[in-house]
Amino acid sequence: MERWLLVVETNCTDPSREKEFNQWYDNTHIPDLLTTPGVLSATRYENPSPGEKQGRFLALYEVETKDILQTMATLNENMVKWGKQGRIPKFLEIVSGCFYRQVAAPVKKKK
């Protein structure tokens, strides 16, 4: 099994709905994504002053899989399905998304 990191930058296109955006992301979208085989965890961050062509929000998803292409295909199928079910809001803008394969074990600061 290989470890991967899915890195996704997003924006809320309607600033008046940002609270709703964050509630949707935390309470609907992340639980949905965690149902995808291989997706292990999710962590979100905010950049309070994003530059041009940057997302204000960053999500990191840890993925473990034997076949990243199959995992990506399943995730894409799920996104289409959730969109048809109305589980993805119109005010979501995906700025970028990319998978990175882990090439070294995590290094932690020594105490």
C-alpha atoms as a PDB file:
ATOM      1  CA  MET A   1       0.000   0.000   0.000  1.00  0.00           C
ATOM      2  CA  GLU A   2       1.201   3.470  -0.835  1.00  0.00           C
ATOM      3  CA  ARG A   3       0.451   6.603   1.168  1.00  0.00           C
ATOM      4  CA  TRP A   4      -0.769   9.689  -0.629  1.00  0.00           C
ATOM      5  CA  LEU A   5      -1.837  13.196   0.253  1.00  0.00           C
ATOM      6  CA  LEU A   6      -4.711  14.826  -1.613  1.00  0.00           C
ATOM      7  CA  VAL A   7      -4.284  18.610  -1.426  1.00  0.00           C
ATOM      8  CA  VAL A   8      -7.332  20.710  -2.343  1.00  0.00           C
ATOM      9  CA  GLU A   9      -7.627  24.508  -2.365  1.00  0.00           C
ATOM     10  CA  THR A  10     -11.146  25.965  -2.337  1.00  0.00           C
ATOM     11  CA  ASN A  11     -13.035  29.222  -2.060  1.00  0.00           C
ATOM     12  CA  CYS A  12     -16.549  30.160  -1.076  1.00  0.00           C
ATOM     13  CA  THR A  13     -17.809  32.282  -3.962  1.00  0.00           C
ATOM     14  CA  ASP A  14     -20.442  34.005  -1.796  1.00  0.00           C
ATOM     15  CA  PRO A  15     -18.813  35.703   1.214  1.00  0.00           C
ATOM     16  CA  SER A  16     -22.207  36.100   2.900  1.00  0.00           C
ATOM     17  CA  ARG A  17     -22.481  32.276   2.989  1.00  0.00           C
ATOM     18  CA  GLU A  18     -19.000  31.487   4.315  1.00  0.00           C
ATOM     19  CA  LYS A  19     -20.316  30.187   7.647  1.00  0.00           C
ATOM     20  CA  GLU A  20     -22.669  27.859   5.736  1.00  0.00           C
ATOM     21  CA  PHE A  21     -19.751  26.826   3.485  1.00  0.00           C
ATOM     22  CA  ASN A  22     -17.605  25.831   6.473  1.00  0.00           C
ATOM     23  CA  GLN A  23     -20.476  23.961   8.137  1.00  0.00           C
ATOM     24  CA  TRP A  24     -21.169  22.085   4.882  1.00  0.00           C
ATOM     25  CA  TYR A  25     -17.471  21.261   4.427  1.00  0.00           C
ATOM     26  CA  ASP A  26     -17.022  19.978   7.988  1.00  0.00           C
ATOM     27  CA  ASN A  27     -20.366  18.237   8.486  1.00  0.00           C
ATOM     28  CA  THR A  28     -21.261  16.959   5.001  1.00  0.00           C
ATOM     29  CA  HIS A  29     -18.338  16.990   2.588  1.00  0.00           C
ATOM     30  CA  ILE A  30     -15.603  15.533   4.786  1.00  0.00           C
ATOM     31  CA  PRO A  31     -17.832  12.698   6.073  1.00  0.00           C
ATOM     32  CA  ASP A  32     -18.818  11.983   2.446  1.00  0.00           C
ATOM     33  CA  LEU A  33     -15.184  11.888   1.313  1.00  0.00           C
ATOM     34  CA  LEU A  34     -14.222   9.603   4.193  1.00  0.00           C
ATOM     35  CA  THR A  35     -16.587   6.967   2.770  1.00  0.00           C
ATOM     36  CA  THR A  36     -14.291   6.640  -0.251  1.00  0.00           C
ATOM     37  CA  PRO A  37     -12.119   3.520   0.160  1.00  0.00           C
ATOM     38  CA  GLY A  38      -8.571   4.518   1.047  1.00  0.00           C
ATOM     39  CA  VAL A  39      -9.340   8.008   2.358  1.00  0.00           C
ATOM     40  CA  LEU A  40      -8.135   7.874   5.971  1.00  0.00           C
ATOM     41  CA  SER A  41      -8.394  11.397   7.355  1.00  0.00           C
ATOM     42  CA  ALA A  42      -9.032  15.038   6.551  1.00  0.00           C
ATOM     43  CA  THR A  43      -7.680  18.285   7.946  1.00  0.00           C
ATOM     44  CA  ARG A  44      -8.703  21.822   6.939  1.00  0.00           C
ATOM     45  CA  TYR A  45      -6.826  25.110   7.088  1.00  0.00           C
ATOM     46  CA  GLU A  46      -7.585  28.731   6.245  1.00  0.00           C
ATOM     47  CA  ASN A  47      -5.371  31.339   4.624  1.00  0.00           C
ATOM     48  CA  PRO A  48      -6.817  34.678   5.795  1.00  0.00           C
ATOM     49  CA  SER A  49      -5.020  36.584   3.027  1.00  0.00           C
ATOM     50  CA  PRO A  50      -4.804  34.382  -0.085  1.00  0.00           C
ATOM     51  CA  GLY A  51      -2.968  35.686  -3.093  1.00  0.00           C
ATOM     52  CA  GLU A  52      -4.265  35.750  -6.632  1.00  0.00           C
ATOM     53  CA  LYS A  53      -5.164  32.258  -7.895  1.00  0.00           C
ATOM     54  CA  GLN A  54      -4.941  30.807  -4.363  1.00  0.00           C
ATOM     55  CA  GLY A  55      -7.695  29.238  -2.346  1.00  0.00           C
ATOM     56  CA  ARG A  56      -8.661  30.678   0.990  1.00  0.00           C
ATOM     57  CA  PHE A  57      -9.275  27.175   2.318  1.00  0.00           C
ATOM     58  CA  LEU A  58      -6.966  24.176   2.161  1.00  0.00           C
ATOM     59  CA  ALA A  59      -7.980  20.576   2.800  1.00  0.00           C
ATOM     60  CA  LEU A  60      -5.465  17.770   3.235  1.00  0.00           C
ATOM     61  CA  TYR A  61      -6.684  14.192   2.876  1.00  0.00           C
ATOM     62  CA  GLU A  62      -4.487  11.246   3.832  1.00  0.00           C
ATOM     63  CA  VAL A  63      -4.985   8.342   1.446  1.00  0.00           C
ATOM     64  CA  GLU A  64      -3.652   4.790   1.533  1.00  0.00           C
ATOM     65  CA  THR A  65      -4.180   2.614  -1.519  1.00  0.00           C
ATOM     66  CA  LYS A  66      -2.685  -0.097  -3.735  1.00  0.00           C
ATOM     67  CA  ASP A  67      -4.098   1.614  -6.849  1.00  0.00           C
ATOM     68  CA  ILE A  68      -4.191   5.415  -6.828  1.00  0.00           C
ATOM     69  CA  LEU A  69      -5.809   5.546 -10.271  1.00  0.00           C
ATOM     70  CA  GLN A  70      -8.742   3.455  -9.025  1.00  0.00           C
ATOM     71  CA  THR A  71      -9.007   5.571  -5.879  1.00  0.00           C
ATOM     72  CA  MET A  72      -9.033   8.748  -7.978  1.00  0.00           C
ATOM     73  CA  ALA A  73     -11.693   7.295 -10.294  1.00  0.00           C
ATOM     74  CA  THR A  74     -13.870   6.288  -7.334  1.00  0.00           C
ATOM     75  CA  LEU A  75     -13.482   9.730  -5.779  1.00  0.00           C
ATOM     76  CA  ASN A  76     -14.450  11.395  -9.076  1.00  0.00           C
ATOM     77  CA  GLU A  77     -17.486   9.105  -9.423  1.00  0.00           C
ATOM     78  CA  ASN A  78     -18.508   9.967  -5.869  1.00  0.00           C
ATOM     79  CA  MET A  79     -18.179  13.704  -6.540  1.00  0.00           C
ATOM     80  CA  VAL A  80     -20.449  13.395  -9.582  1.00  0.00           C
ATOM     81  CA  LYS A  81     -22.948  11.349  -7.567  1.00  0.00           C
ATOM     82  CA  TRP A  82     -22.935  13.841  -4.668  1.00  0.00           C
ATOM     83  CA  GLY A  83     -23.373  16.712  -7.122  1.00  0.00           C
ATOM     84  CA  LYS A  84     -26.448  15.036  -8.628  1.00  0.00           C
ATOM     85  CA  GLN A  85     -27.791  14.503  -5.103  1.00  0.00           C
ATOM     86  CA  GLY A  86     -27.412  18.211  -4.333  1.00  0.00           C
ATOM     87  CA  ARG A  87     -24.725  17.535  -1.730  1.00  0.00           C
ATOM     88  CA  ILE A  88     -22.259  20.018  -3.266  1.00  0.00           C
ATOM     89  CA  PRO A  89     -23.220  23.701  -3.005  1.00  0.00           C
ATOM     90  CA  LYS A  90     -23.096  26.117  -5.922  1.00  0.00           C
ATOM     91  CA  PHE A  91     -20.886  28.473  -3.898  1.00  0.00           C
ATOM     92  CA  LEU A  92     -17.981  25.968  -3.807  1.00  0.00           C
ATOM     93  CA  GLU A  93     -15.054  26.868  -6.054  1.00  0.00           C
ATOM     94  CA  ILE A  94     -12.274  24.294  -6.357  1.00  0.00           C
ATOM     95  CA  VAL A  95      -9.121  26.287  -7.084  1.00  0.00           C
ATOM     96  CA  SER A  96      -6.794  23.298  -7.314  1.00  0.00           C
ATOM     97  CA  GLY A  97      -6.497  19.656  -6.371  1.00  0.00           C
ATOM     98  CA  CYS A  98      -3.569  17.292  -6.610  1.00  0.00           C
ATOM     99  CA  PHE A  99      -2.399  13.931  -5.263  1.00  0.00           C
ATOM    100  CA  TYR A 100       1.123  13.607  -3.865  1.00  0.00           C
ATOM    101  CA  ARG A 101       2.758  10.224  -3.212  1.00  0.00           C
ATOM    102  CA  GLN A 102       4.584   9.949   0.104  1.00  0.00           C
ATOM    103  CA  VAL A 103       8.298   9.410  -0.541  1.00  0.00           C
ATOM    104  CA  ALA A 104       9.630   9.573   3.033  1.00  0.00           C
ATOM    105  CA  ALA A 105       8.317   8.840   6.500  1.00  0.00           C
ATOM    106  CA  PRO A 106       7.197  11.817   8.596  1.00  0.00           C
ATOM    107  CA  VAL A 107       9.955  13.459  10.620  1.00  0.00           C
ATOM    108  CA  LYS A 108       9.055  14.796  14.045  1.00  0.00           C
ATOM    109  CA  LYS A 109      10.884  17.318  16.134  1.00  0.00           C
ATOM    110  CA  LYS A 110      12.942  15.768  18.922  1.00  0.00           C
ATOM    111  CA  LYS A 111      12.058  16.856  22.428  1.00  0.00           C
END
